[in-house]
Amino acid sequence: MTEPAPAAVAIVACSDLAASEAFYARLGFTVASRYPAHGYLILANADGASLHLTLAPSGWLDPARNPFGVYLYASDVDTLAAAVGASVEHKPWGLREFAVSDPDGTLIRVGWPS
C-alpha cells in the first residue's frame, strides 16, 4: 500500500453498499479497495479525495432522521450537480455549491470557490 497523504476521511454508514457505490459514482468516485467480508468500500476520485463506505446493521439507519453530512470540494461542481439532478447556487460565503442526500439520507454538499 502506498503511504497516504495526511487527510481527514469520512466513513459513511450505508444500508446497501451497491446503491451507495452507484450514487457516489455519479459524484465522480470509483472503488479503490473493496472488502466484501467486512462490508467496506474505499472510494476515491480523480482529485485525490477519499470516502469510505461501511455497511450498517439492518435497521440502524433511518434516512428520514439521518443527521450526518459530508462536504466535498470539487472544481467540476456544475458537472457533478447535473449528474445528480441538483442546482448549483452562489452562496454568500463565496462558494458555488449544491446539496443532495445519498440513498441513506446522508447530506452531501459539493462546492467550489466562486
PDB file of N, CA and C in Angstrom:
ATOM      1  N   MET A   1       0.834  -1.179   0.000  1.00  0.00           N
ATOM      2  CA  MET A   1       0.000   0.000   0.000  1.00  0.00           C
ATOM      3  C   MET A   1       0.877   1.241   0.000  1.00  0.00           C
ATOM      4  N   THR A   2       0.511   2.217  -0.811  1.00  0.00           N
ATOM      5  CA  THR A   2       1.209   3.490  -0.844  1.00  0.00           C
ATOM      6  C   THR A   2       0.873   4.278   0.412  1.00  0.00           C
ATOM      7  N   GLU A   3       1.853   4.972   0.951  1.00  0.00           N
ATOM      8  CA  GLU A   3       1.603   5.776   2.145  1.00  0.00           C
ATOM      9  C   GLU A   3       0.657   6.923   1.809  1.00  0.00           C
ATOM     10  N   PRO A   4      -0.443   7.066   2.558  1.00  0.00           N
ATOM     11  CA  PRO A   4      -1.407   8.123   2.247  1.00  0.00           C
ATOM     12  C   PRO A   4      -0.903   9.496   2.671  1.00  0.00           C
ATOM     13  N   ALA A   5      -1.413  10.529   2.005  1.00  0.00           N
ATOM     14  CA  ALA A   5      -1.139  11.899   2.417  1.00  0.00           C
ATOM     15  C   ALA A   5      -1.999  12.197   3.639  1.00  0.00           C
ATOM     16  N   PRO A   6      -1.543  13.075   4.529  1.00  0.00           N
ATOM     17  CA  PRO A   6      -2.377  13.441   5.668  1.00  0.00           C
ATOM     18  C   PRO A   6      -3.719  14.003   5.191  1.00  0.00           C
ATOM     19  N   ALA A   7      -4.799  13.516   5.767  1.00  0.00           N
ATOM     20  CA  ALA A   7      -6.139  13.954   5.358  1.00  0.00           C
ATOM     21  C   ALA A   7      -7.152  13.466   6.375  1.00  0.00           C
ATOM     22  N   ALA A   8      -8.306  14.111   6.373  1.00  0.00           N
ATOM     23  CA  ALA A   8      -9.457  13.617   7.124  1.00  0.00           C
ATOM     24  C   ALA A   8     -10.355  12.912   6.120  1.00  0.00           C
ATOM     25  N   VAL A   9     -10.824  11.728   6.466  1.00  0.00           N
ATOM     26  CA  VAL A   9     -11.656  10.948   5.553  1.00  0.00           C
ATOM     27  C   VAL A   9     -12.932  10.535   6.278  1.00  0.00           C
ATOM     28  N   ALA A  10     -14.072  10.822   5.669  1.00  0.00           N
ATOM     29  CA  ALA A  10     -15.353  10.443   6.263  1.00  0.00           C
ATOM     30  C   ALA A  10     -15.613   8.958   6.046  1.00  0.00           C
ATOM     31  N   ILE A  11     -16.172   8.318   7.067  1.00  0.00           N
ATOM     32  CA  ILE A  11     -16.661   6.949   6.964  1.00  0.00           C
ATOM     33  C   ILE A  11     -18.180   7.050   7.012  1.00  0.00           C
ATOM     34  N   VAL A  12     -18.826   6.705   5.908  1.00  0.00           N
ATOM     35  CA  VAL A  12     -20.269   6.873   5.767  1.00  0.00           C
ATOM     36  C   VAL A  12     -20.955   5.518   5.888  1.00  0.00           C
ATOM     37  N   ALA A  13     -21.844   5.402   6.861  1.00  0.00           N
ATOM     38  CA  ALA A  13     -22.614   4.168   7.035  1.00  0.00           C
ATOM     39  C   ALA A  13     -23.713   4.106   5.978  1.00  0.00           C
ATOM     40  N   CYS A  14     -23.954   2.911   5.457  1.00  0.00           N
ATOM     41  CA  CYS A  14     -24.998   2.746   4.442  1.00  0.00           C
ATOM     42  C   CYS A  14     -25.687   1.396   4.636  1.00  0.00           C
ATOM     43  N   SER A  15     -26.918   1.309   4.144  1.00  0.00           N
ATOM     44  CA  SER A  15     -27.678   0.069   4.288  1.00  0.00           C
ATOM     45  C   SER A  15     -27.545  -0.835   3.073  1.00  0.00           C
ATOM     46  N   ASP A  16     -27.040  -0.291   1.963  1.00  0.00           N
ATOM     47  CA  ASP A  16     -26.893  -1.047   0.714  1.00  0.00           C
ATOM     48  C   ASP A  16     -25.638  -0.540   0.013  1.00  0.00           C
ATOM     49  N   LEU A  17     -24.557  -1.317   0.109  1.00  0.00           N
ATOM     50  CA  LEU A  17     -23.287  -0.874  -0.474  1.00  0.00           C
ATOM     51  C   LEU A  17     -23.386  -0.639  -1.973  1.00  0.00           C
ATOM     52  N   ALA A  18     -24.097  -1.499  -2.688  1.00  0.00           N
ATOM     53  CA  ALA A  18     -24.208  -1.345  -4.145  1.00  0.00           C
ATOM     54  C   ALA A  18     -24.928  -0.048  -4.508  1.00  0.00           C
ATOM     55  N   ALA A  19     -26.004   0.275  -3.806  1.00  0.00           N
ATOM     56  CA  ALA A  19     -26.738   1.518  -4.080  1.00  0.00           C
ATOM     57  C   ALA A  19     -25.882   2.733  -3.758  1.00  0.00           C
ATOM     58  N   SER A  20     -25.144   2.673  -2.659  1.00  0.00           N
ATOM     59  CA  SER A  20     -24.279   3.793  -2.290  1.00  0.00           C
ATOM     60  C   SER A  20     -23.119   3.931  -3.261  1.00  0.00           C
ATOM     61  N   GLU A  21     -22.548   2.816  -3.672  1.00  0.00           N
ATOM     62  CA  GLU A  21     -21.463   2.858  -4.659  1.00  0.00           C
ATOM     63  C   GLU A  21     -21.949   3.517  -5.946  1.00  0.00           C
ATOM     64  N   ALA A  22     -23.131   3.160  -6.410  1.00  0.00           N
ATOM     65  CA  ALA A  22     -23.687   3.749  -7.634  1.00  0.00           C
ATOM     66  C   ALA A  22     -23.943   5.243  -7.458  1.00  0.00           C
ATOM     67  N   PHE A  23     -24.459   5.641  -6.305  1.00  0.00           N
ATOM     68  CA  PHE A  23     -24.707   7.062  -6.042  1.00  0.00           C
ATOM     69  C   PHE A  23     -23.402   7.852  -6.081  1.00  0.00           C
ATOM     70  N   TYR A  24     -22.400   7.393  -5.347  1.00  0.00           N
ATOM     71  CA  TYR A  24     -21.137   8.130  -5.277  1.00  0.00           C
ATOM     72  C   TYR A  24     -20.375   8.086  -6.601  1.00  0.00           C
ATOM     73  N   ALA A  25     -20.625   7.086  -7.428  1.00  0.00           N
ATOM     74  CA  ALA A  25     -20.031   7.058  -8.773  1.00  0.00           C
ATOM     75  C   ALA A  25     -20.523   8.248  -9.586  1.00  0.00           C
ATOM     76  N   ARG A  26     -21.780   8.639  -9.395  1.00  0.00           N
ATOM     77  CA  ARG A  26     -22.316   9.809 -10.094  1.00  0.00           C
ATOM     78  C   ARG A  26     -21.626  11.090  -9.633  1.00  0.00           C
ATOM     79  N   LEU A  27     -21.006  11.051  -8.462  1.00  0.00           N
ATOM     80  CA  LEU A  27     -20.246  12.195  -7.956  1.00  0.00           C
ATOM     81  C   LEU A  27     -18.754  12.057  -8.255  1.00  0.00           C
ATOM     82  N   GLY A  28     -18.405  11.126  -9.144  1.00  0.00           N
ATOM     83  CA  GLY A  28     -17.025  11.004  -9.604  1.00  0.00           C
ATOM     84  C   GLY A  28     -16.146  10.043  -8.834  1.00  0.00           C
ATOM     85  N   PHE A  29     -16.706   9.262  -7.928  1.00  0.00           N
ATOM     86  CA  PHE A  29     -15.903   8.329  -7.140  1.00  0.00           C
ATOM     87  C   PHE A  29     -15.886   6.940  -7.768  1.00  0.00           C
ATOM     88  N   THR A  30     -14.743   6.279  -7.660  1.00  0.00           N
ATOM     89  CA  THR A  30     -14.596   4.889  -8.083  1.00  0.00           C
ATOM     90  C   THR A  30     -14.085   4.081  -6.887  1.00  0.00           C
ATOM     91  N   VAL A  31     -14.232   2.774  -6.967  1.00  0.00           N
ATOM     92  CA  VAL A  31     -13.780   1.910  -5.876  1.00  0.00           C
ATOM     93  C   VAL A  31     -12.264   1.767  -5.943  1.00  0.00           C
ATOM     94  N   ALA A  32     -11.599   2.150  -4.862  1.00  0.00           N
ATOM     95  CA  ALA A  32     -10.151   1.987  -4.749  1.00  0.00           C
ATOM     96  C   ALA A  32      -9.820   0.656  -4.078  1.00  0.00           C
ATOM     97  N   SER A  33     -10.639   0.257  -3.108  1.00  0.00           N
ATOM     98  CA  SER A  33     -10.465  -1.019  -2.403  1.00  0.00           C
ATOM     99  C   SER A  33     -11.831  -1.540  -1.994  1.00  0.00           C
ATOM    100  N   ARG A  34     -11.970  -2.854  -2.059  1.00  0.00           N
ATOM    101  CA  ARG A  34     -13.246  -3.493  -1.720  1.00  0.00           C
ATOM    102  C   ARG A  34     -12.962  -4.609  -0.706  1.00  0.00           C
ATOM    103  N   TYR A  35     -13.710  -4.609   0.397  1.00  0.00           N
ATOM    104  CA  TYR A  35     -13.553  -5.611   1.444  1.00  0.00           C
ATOM    105  C   TYR A  35     -14.917  -6.240   1.732  1.00  0.00           C
ATOM    106  N   PRO A  36     -15.394  -7.135   0.846  1.00  0.00           N
ATOM    107  CA  PRO A  36     -16.746  -7.682   0.983  1.00  0.00           C
ATOM    108  C   PRO A  36     -16.982  -8.438   2.294  1.00  0.00           C
ATOM    109  N   ALA A  37     -15.980  -9.112   2.808  1.00  0.00           N
ATOM    110  CA  ALA A  37     -16.160  -9.854   4.057  1.00  0.00           C
ATOM    111  C   ALA A  37     -16.431  -8.925   5.239  1.00  0.00           C
ATOM    112  N   HIS A  38     -16.044  -7.665   5.090  1.00  0.00           N
ATOM    113  CA  HIS A  38     -16.227  -6.685   6.161  1.00  0.00           C
ATOM    114  C   HIS A  38     -17.294  -5.645   5.829  1.00  0.00           C
ATOM    115  N   GLY A  39     -17.920  -5.755   4.646  1.00  0.00           N
ATOM    116  CA  GLY A  39     -18.920  -4.779   4.250  1.00  0.00           C
ATOM    117  C   GLY A  39     -18.338  -3.384   4.167  1.00  0.00           C
ATOM    118  N   TYR A  40     -17.223  -3.241   3.450  1.00  0.00           N
ATOM    119  CA  TYR A  40     -16.478  -1.984   3.458  1.00  0.00           C
ATOM    120  C   TYR A  40     -15.934  -1.676   2.072  1.00  0.00           C
ATOM    121  N   LEU A  41     -16.084  -0.423   1.658  1.00  0.00           N
ATOM    122  CA  LEU A  41     -15.516   0.056   0.399  1.00  0.00           C
ATOM    123  C   LEU A  41     -14.717   1.318   0.662  1.00  0.00           C
ATOM    124  N   ILE A  42     -13.618   1.471  -0.047  1.00  0.00           N
ATOM    125  CA  ILE A  42     -12.876   2.727  -0.045  1.00  0.00           C
ATOM    126  C   ILE A  42     -13.014   3.304  -1.440  1.00  0.00           C
ATOM    127  N   LEU A  43     -13.551   4.516  -1.503  1.00  0.00           N
ATOM    128  CA  LEU A  43     -13.756   5.199  -2.774  1.00  0.00           C
ATOM    129  C   LEU A  43     -12.747   6.325  -2.915  1.00  0.00           C
ATOM    130  N   ALA A  44     -12.427   6.661  -4.154  1.00  0.00           N
ATOM    131  CA  ALA A  44     -11.523   7.777  -4.437  1.00  0.00           C
ATOM    132  C   ALA A  44     -11.990   8.460  -5.708  1.00  0.00           C
ATOM    133  N   ASN A  45     -11.643   9.742  -5.831  1.00  0.00           N
ATOM    134  CA  ASN A  45     -11.951  10.438  -7.082  1.00  0.00           C
ATOM    135  C   ASN A  45     -10.669  10.942  -7.727  1.00  0.00           C
ATOM    136  N   ALA A  46     -10.784  11.514  -8.900  1.00  0.00           N
ATOM    137  CA  ALA A  46      -9.616  11.945  -9.670  1.00  0.00           C
ATOM    138  C   ALA A  46      -8.851  13.076  -8.991  1.00  0.00           C
ATOM    139  N   ASP A  47      -9.506  13.823  -8.100  1.00  0.00           N
ATOM    140  CA  ASP A  47      -8.846  14.925  -7.393  1.00  0.00           C
ATOM    141  C   ASP A  47      -8.096  14.459  -6.154  1.00  0.00           C
ATOM    142  N   GLY A  48      -8.183  13.172  -5.826  1.00  0.00           N
ATOM    143  CA  GLY A  48      -7.487  12.643  -4.662  1.00  0.00           C
ATOM    144  C   GLY A  48      -8.332  12.566  -3.405  1.00  0.00           C
ATOM    145  N   ALA A  49      -9.609  12.918  -3.499  1.00  0.00           N
ATOM    146  CA  ALA A  49     -10.494  12.791  -2.335  1.00  0.00           C
ATOM    147  C   ALA A  49     -10.822  11.320  -2.108  1.00  0.00           C
ATOM    148  N   SER A  50     -11.042  10.981  -0.859  1.00  0.00           N
ATOM    149  CA  SER A  50     -11.362   9.610  -0.490  1.00  0.00           C
ATOM    150  C   SER A  50     -12.588   9.613   0.411  1.00  0.00           C
ATOM    151  N   LEU A  51     -13.359   8.559   0.315  1.00  0.00           N
ATOM    152  CA  LEU A  51     -14.565   8.396   1.113  1.00  0.00           C
ATOM    153  C   LEU A  51     -14.706   6.908   1.395  1.00  0.00           C
ATOM    154  N   HIS A  52     -14.979   6.557   2.638  1.00  0.00           N
ATOM    155  CA  HIS A  52     -15.145   5.153   2.993  1.00  0.00           C
ATOM    156  C   HIS A  52     -16.620   4.871   3.230  1.00  0.00           C
ATOM    157  N   LEU A  53     -17.087   3.739   2.740  1.00  0.00           N
ATOM    158  CA  LEU A  53     -18.462   3.295   2.968  1.00  0.00           C
ATOM    159  C   LEU A  53     -18.431   2.034   3.811  1.00  0.00           C
ATOM    160  N   THR A  54     -19.270   1.981   4.824  1.00  0.00           N
ATOM    161  CA  THR A  54     -19.353   0.801   5.672  1.00  0.00           C
ATOM    162  C   THR A  54     -20.807   0.356   5.781  1.00  0.00           C
ATOM    163  N   LEU A  55     -21.020  -0.931   5.702  1.00  0.00           N
ATOM    164  CA  LEU A  55     -22.368  -1.485   5.777  1.00  0.00           C
ATOM    165  C   LEU A  55     -22.861  -1.430   7.220  1.00  0.00           C
ATOM    166  N   ALA A  56     -23.991  -0.766   7.424  1.00  0.00           N
ATOM    167  CA  ALA A  56     -24.579  -0.634   8.763  1.00  0.00           C
ATOM    168  C   ALA A  56     -25.459  -1.842   9.058  1.00  0.00           C
ATOM    169  N   PRO A  57     -25.585  -2.202  10.323  1.00  0.00           N
ATOM    170  CA  PRO A  57     -26.502  -3.287  10.684  1.00  0.00           C
ATOM    171  C   PRO A  57     -27.932  -2.944  10.257  1.00  0.00           C
ATOM    172  N   SER A  58     -28.688  -3.951   9.908  1.00  0.00           N
ATOM    173  CA  SER A  58     -30.072  -3.769   9.473  1.00  0.00           C
ATOM    174  C   SER A  58     -30.865  -2.967  10.504  1.00  0.00           C
ATOM    175  N   GLY A  59     -31.596  -1.957  10.027  1.00  0.00           N
ATOM    176  CA  GLY A  59     -32.423  -1.139  10.894  1.00  0.00           C
ATOM    177  C   GLY A  59     -31.702  -0.002  11.589  1.00  0.00           C
ATOM    178  N   TRP A  60     -30.386   0.070  11.452  1.00  0.00           N
ATOM    179  CA  TRP A  60     -29.604   1.089  12.145  1.00  0.00           C
ATOM    180  C   TRP A  60     -29.796   2.473  11.537  1.00  0.00           C
ATOM    181  N   LEU A  61     -29.981   2.539  10.219  1.00  0.00           N
ATOM    182  CA  LEU A  61     -30.118   3.827   9.537  1.00  0.00           C
ATOM    183  C   LEU A  61     -31.576   4.143   9.237  1.00  0.00           C
ATOM    184  N   ASP A  62     -31.961   5.373   9.492  1.00  0.00           N
ATOM    185  CA  ASP A  62     -33.287   5.868   9.138  1.00  0.00           C
ATOM    186  C   ASP A  62     -33.069   7.094   8.257  1.00  0.00           C
ATOM    187  N   PRO A  63     -33.222   6.957   6.922  1.00  0.00           N
ATOM    188  CA  PRO A  63     -32.949   8.080   6.025  1.00  0.00           C
ATOM    189  C   PRO A  63     -33.692   9.363   6.386  1.00  0.00           C
ATOM    190  N   ALA A  64     -34.858   9.252   6.980  1.00  0.00           N
ATOM    191  CA  ALA A  64     -35.629  10.445   7.341  1.00  0.00           C
ATOM    192  C   ALA A  64     -35.056  11.164   8.564  1.00  0.00           C
ATOM    193  N   ARG A  65     -34.173  10.486   9.302  1.00  0.00           N
ATOM    194  CA  ARG A  65     -33.628  11.081  10.530  1.00  0.00           C
ATOM    195  C   ARG A  65     -32.109  11.071  10.555  1.00  0.00           C
ATOM    196  N   ASN A  66     -31.468  10.926   9.420  1.00  0.00           N
ATOM    197  CA  ASN A  66     -30.012  10.855   9.352  1.00  0.00           C
ATOM    198  C   ASN A  66     -29.405  12.240   9.601  1.00  0.00           C
ATOM    199  N   PRO A  67     -28.628  12.413  10.688  1.00  0.00           N
ATOM    200  CA  PRO A  67     -28.068  13.724  10.997  1.00  0.00           C
ATOM    201  C   PRO A  67     -26.683  13.969  10.391  1.00  0.00           C
ATOM    202  N   PHE A  68     -26.162  13.017   9.627  1.00  0.00           N
ATOM    203  CA  PHE A  68     -24.786  13.103   9.166  1.00  0.00           C
ATOM    204  C   PHE A  68     -24.664  13.811   7.823  1.00  0.00           C
ATOM    205  N   GLY A  69     -23.481  14.349   7.566  1.00  0.00           N
ATOM    206  CA  GLY A  69     -23.230  15.013   6.299  1.00  0.00           C
ATOM    207  C   GLY A  69     -21.755  15.004   5.954  1.00  0.00           C
ATOM    208  N   VAL A  70     -21.470  15.204   4.672  1.00  0.00           N
ATOM    209  CA  VAL A  70     -20.105  15.259   4.155  1.00  0.00           C
ATOM    210  C   VAL A  70     -20.026  16.446   3.209  1.00  0.00           C
ATOM    211  N   TYR A  71     -18.954  17.212   3.300  1.00  0.00           N
ATOM    212  CA  TYR A  71     -18.730  18.314   2.362  1.00  0.00           C
ATOM    213  C   TYR A  71     -17.583  17.924   1.439  1.00  0.00           C
ATOM    214  N   LEU A  72     -17.808  18.061   0.139  1.00  0.00           N
ATOM    215  CA  LEU A  72     -16.789  17.754  -0.863  1.00  0.00           C
ATOM    216  C   LEU A  72     -16.434  19.025  -1.620  1.00  0.00           C
ATOM    217  N   TYR A  73     -15.162  19.320  -1.739  1.00  0.00           N
ATOM    218  CA  TYR A  73     -14.707  20.405  -2.598  1.00  0.00           C
ATOM    219  C   TYR A  73     -14.387  19.796  -3.953  1.00  0.00           C
ATOM    220  N   ALA A  74     -15.010  20.322  -4.996  1.00  0.00           N
ATOM    221  CA  ALA A  74     -14.802  19.781  -6.345  1.00  0.00           C
ATOM    222  C   ALA A  74     -14.888  20.915  -7.355  1.00  0.00           C
ATOM    223  N   SER A  75     -13.874  21.040  -8.187  1.00  0.00           N
ATOM    224  CA  SER A  75     -13.851  22.125  -9.172  1.00  0.00           C
ATOM    225  C   SER A  75     -14.908  21.944 -10.253  1.00  0.00           C
ATOM    226  N   ASP A  76     -15.344  20.723 -10.492  1.00  0.00           N
ATOM    227  CA  ASP A  76     -16.346  20.454 -11.527  1.00  0.00           C
ATOM    228  C   ASP A  76     -17.756  20.402 -10.937  1.00  0.00           C
ATOM    229  N   VAL A  77     -18.057  21.359 -10.063  1.00  0.00           N
ATOM    230  CA  VAL A  77     -19.329  21.387  -9.342  1.00  0.00           C
ATOM    231  C   VAL A  77     -20.536  21.358 -10.282  1.00  0.00           C
ATOM    232  N   ASP A  78     -20.459  22.037 -11.426  1.00  0.00           N
ATOM    233  CA  ASP A  78     -21.592  22.046 -12.360  1.00  0.00           C
ATOM    234  C   ASP A  78     -21.852  20.664 -12.951  1.00  0.00           C
ATOM    235  N   THR A  79     -20.799  19.981 -13.350  1.00  0.00           N
ATOM    236  CA  THR A  79     -20.929  18.644 -13.922  1.00  0.00           C
ATOM    237  C   THR A  79     -21.508  17.670 -12.902  1.00  0.00           C
ATOM    238  N   LEU A  80     -21.005  17.739 -11.681  1.00  0.00           N
ATOM    239  CA  LEU A  80     -21.482  16.831 -10.638  1.00  0.00           C
ATOM    240  C   LEU A  80     -22.931  17.125 -10.267  1.00  0.00           C
ATOM    241  N   ALA A  81     -23.294  18.397 -10.214  1.00  0.00           N
ATOM    242  CA  ALA A  81     -24.686  18.757  -9.918  1.00  0.00           C
ATOM    243  C   ALA A  81     -25.614  18.188 -10.982  1.00  0.00           C
ATOM    244  N   ALA A  82     -25.221  18.315 -12.238  1.00  0.00           N
ATOM    245  CA  ALA A  82     -26.044  17.783 -13.330  1.00  0.00           C
ATOM    246  C   ALA A  82     -26.181  16.265 -13.220  1.00  0.00           C
ATOM    247  N   ALA A  83     -25.121  15.589 -12.777  1.00  0.00           N
ATOM    248  CA  ALA A  83     -25.140  14.126 -12.677  1.00  0.00           C
ATOM    249  C   ALA A  83     -26.140  13.619 -11.641  1.00  0.00           C
ATOM    250  N   VAL A  84     -26.445  14.461 -10.644  1.00  0.00           N
ATOM    251  CA  VAL A  84     -27.396  14.041  -9.608  1.00  0.00           C
ATOM    252  C   VAL A  84     -28.694  14.854  -9.650  1.00  0.00           C
ATOM    253  N   GLY A  85     -28.850  15.668 -10.693  1.00  0.00           N
ATOM    254  CA  GLY A  85     -30.081  16.440 -10.862  1.00  0.00           C
ATOM    255  C   GLY A  85     -30.251  17.573  -9.868  1.00  0.00           C
ATOM    256  N   ALA A  86     -29.146  18.154  -9.424  1.00  0.00           N
ATOM    257  CA  ALA A  86     -29.196  19.246  -8.450  1.00  0.00           C
ATOM    258  C   ALA A  86     -28.898  20.582  -9.125  1.00  0.00           C
ATOM    259  N   SER A  87     -29.238  21.652  -8.447  1.00  0.00           N
ATOM    260  CA  SER A  87     -28.974  23.005  -8.943  1.00  0.00           C
ATOM    261  C   SER A  87     -27.868  23.643  -8.119  1.00  0.00           C
ATOM    262  N   VAL A  88     -26.929  24.280  -8.808  1.00  0.00           N
ATOM    263  CA  VAL A  88     -25.831  24.976  -8.144  1.00  0.00           C
ATOM    264  C   VAL A  88     -26.308  26.367  -7.736  1.00  0.00           C
ATOM    265  N   GLU A  89     -25.950  26.765  -6.533  1.00  0.00           N
ATOM    266  CA  GLU A  89     -26.296  28.093  -6.029  1.00  0.00           C
ATOM    267  C   GLU A  89     -25.029  28.838  -5.631  1.00  0.00           C
ATOM    268  N   HIS A  90     -25.038  30.160  -5.821  1.00  0.00           N
ATOM    269  CA  HIS A  90     -23.955  31.013  -5.335  1.00  0.00           C
ATOM    270  C   HIS A  90     -24.270  31.347  -3.881  1.00  0.00           C
ATOM    271  N   LYS A  91     -23.366  30.999  -2.993  1.00  0.00           N
ATOM    272  CA  LYS A  91     -23.590  31.215  -1.567  1.00  0.00           C
ATOM    273  C   LYS A  91     -22.882  32.490  -1.103  1.00  0.00           C
ATOM    274  N   PRO A  92     -23.395  33.146  -0.058  1.00  0.00           N
ATOM    275  CA  PRO A  92     -22.791  34.388   0.417  1.00  0.00           C
ATOM    276  C   PRO A  92     -21.384  34.202   0.985  1.00  0.00           C
ATOM    277  N   TRP A  93     -20.998  32.987   1.271  1.00  0.00           N
ATOM    278  CA  TRP A  93     -19.656  32.724   1.797  1.00  0.00           C
ATOM    279  C   TRP A  93     -18.642  32.470   0.686  1.00  0.00           C
ATOM    280  N   GLY A  94     -19.026  32.790  -0.574  1.00  0.00           N
ATOM    281  CA  GLY A  94     -18.072  32.758  -1.676  1.00  0.00           C
ATOM    282  C   GLY A  94     -17.913  31.430  -2.378  1.00  0.00           C
ATOM    283  N   LEU A  95     -18.853  30.525  -2.178  1.00  0.00           N
ATOM    284  CA  LEU A  95     -18.783  29.229  -2.849  1.00  0.00           C
ATOM    285  C   LEU A  95     -19.990  29.035  -3.747  1.00  0.00           C
ATOM    286  N   ARG A  96     -19.779  28.299  -4.808  1.00  0.00           N
ATOM    287  CA  ARG A  96     -20.870  27.791  -5.634  1.00  0.00           C
ATOM    288  C   ARG A  96     -21.061  26.360  -5.174  1.00  0.00           C
ATOM    289  N   GLU A  97     -22.268  26.001  -4.771  1.00  0.00           N
ATOM    290  CA  GLU A  97     -22.450  24.662  -4.223  1.00  0.00           C
ATOM    291  C   GLU A  97     -23.862  24.140  -4.440  1.00  0.00           C
ATOM    292  N   PHE A  98     -23.990  22.830  -4.214  1.00  0.00           N
ATOM    293  CA  PHE A  98     -25.296  22.175  -4.239  1.00  0.00           C
ATOM    294  C   PHE A  98     -25.334  21.153  -3.117  1.00  0.00           C
ATOM    295  N   ALA A  99     -26.535  20.738  -2.795  1.00  0.00           N
ATOM    296  CA  ALA A  99     -26.723  19.735  -1.749  1.00  0.00           C
ATOM    297  C   ALA A  99     -27.632  18.635  -2.272  1.00  0.00           C
ATOM    298  N   VAL A 100     -27.346  17.424  -1.861  1.00  0.00           N
ATOM    299  CA  VAL A 100     -28.127  16.252  -2.248  1.00  0.00           C
ATOM    300  C   VAL A 100     -27.977  15.229  -1.117  1.00  0.00           C
ATOM    301  N   SER A 101     -28.910  14.317  -0.999  1.00  0.00           N
ATOM    302  CA  SER A 101     -28.802  13.256   0.003  1.00  0.00           C
ATOM    303  C   SER A 101     -28.473  11.939  -0.676  1.00  0.00           C
ATOM    304  N   ASP A 102     -27.623  11.139  -0.021  1.00  0.00           N
ATOM    305  CA  ASP A 102     -27.307   9.820  -0.565  1.00  0.00           C
ATOM    306  C   ASP A 102     -28.482   8.877  -0.282  1.00  0.00           C
ATOM    307  N   PRO A 103     -28.415   7.621  -0.715  1.00  0.00           N
ATOM    308  CA  PRO A 103     -29.557   6.709  -0.544  1.00  0.00           C
ATOM    309  C   PRO A 103     -30.010   6.511   0.908  1.00  0.00           C
ATOM    310  N   ASP A 104     -29.124   6.768   1.867  1.00  0.00           N
ATOM    311  CA  ASP A 104     -29.484   6.605   3.276  1.00  0.00           C
ATOM    312  C   ASP A 104     -29.725   7.928   3.982  1.00  0.00           C
ATOM    313  N   GLY A 105     -29.836   9.005   3.216  1.00  0.00           N
ATOM    314  CA  GLY A 105     -30.162  10.296   3.798  1.00  0.00           C
ATOM    315  C   GLY A 105     -28.986  11.108   4.294  1.00  0.00           C
ATOM    316  N   THR A 106     -27.761  10.654   4.062  1.00  0.00           N
ATOM    317  CA  THR A 106     -26.598  11.453   4.440  1.00  0.00           C
ATOM    318  C   THR A 106     -26.538  12.673   3.530  1.00  0.00           C
ATOM    319  N   LEU A 107     -26.460  13.861   4.123  1.00  0.00           N
ATOM    320  CA  LEU A 107     -26.376  15.092   3.356  1.00  0.00           C
ATOM    321  C   LEU A 107     -25.003  15.191   2.705  1.00  0.00           C
ATOM    322  N   ILE A 108     -24.986  15.403   1.410  1.00  0.00           N
ATOM    323  CA  ILE A 108     -23.743  15.596   0.670  1.00  0.00           C
ATOM    324  C   ILE A 108     -23.797  16.987   0.066  1.00  0.00           C
ATOM    325  N   ARG A 109     -22.869  17.834   0.475  1.00  0.00           N
ATOM    326  CA  ARG A 109     -22.771  19.174  -0.107  1.00  0.00           C
ATOM    327  C   ARG A 109     -21.480  19.225  -0.901  1.00  0.00           C
ATOM    328  N   VAL A 110     -21.573  19.785  -2.097  1.00  0.00           N
ATOM    329  CA  VAL A 110     -20.427  19.874  -3.003  1.00  0.00           C
ATOM    330  C   VAL A 110     -20.263  21.333  -3.382  1.00  0.00           C
ATOM    331  N   GLY A 111     -19.053  21.846  -3.276  1.00  0.00           N
ATOM    332  CA  GLY A 111     -18.841  23.242  -3.605  1.00  0.00           C
ATOM    333  C   GLY A 111     -17.434  23.551  -4.069  1.00  0.00           C
ATOM    334  N   TRP A 112     -17.311  24.778  -4.588  1.00  0.00           N
ATOM    335  CA  TRP A 112     -16.024  25.281  -5.059  1.00  0.00           C
ATOM    336  C   TRP A 112     -16.094  26.805  -5.013  1.00  0.00           C
ATOM    337  N   PRO A 113     -14.970  27.473  -4.750  1.00  0.00           N
ATOM    338  CA  PRO A 113     -14.996  28.939  -4.709  1.00  0.00           C
ATOM    339  C   PRO A 113     -15.539  29.554  -5.996  1.00  0.00           C
ATOM    340  N   SER A 114     -16.305  30.634  -5.817  1.00  0.00           N
ATOM    341  CA  SER A 114     -16.901  31.340  -6.965  1.00  0.00           C
ATOM    342  C   SER A 114     -15.833  32.024  -7.790  1.00  0.00           C
TER     343      SER A 114
END
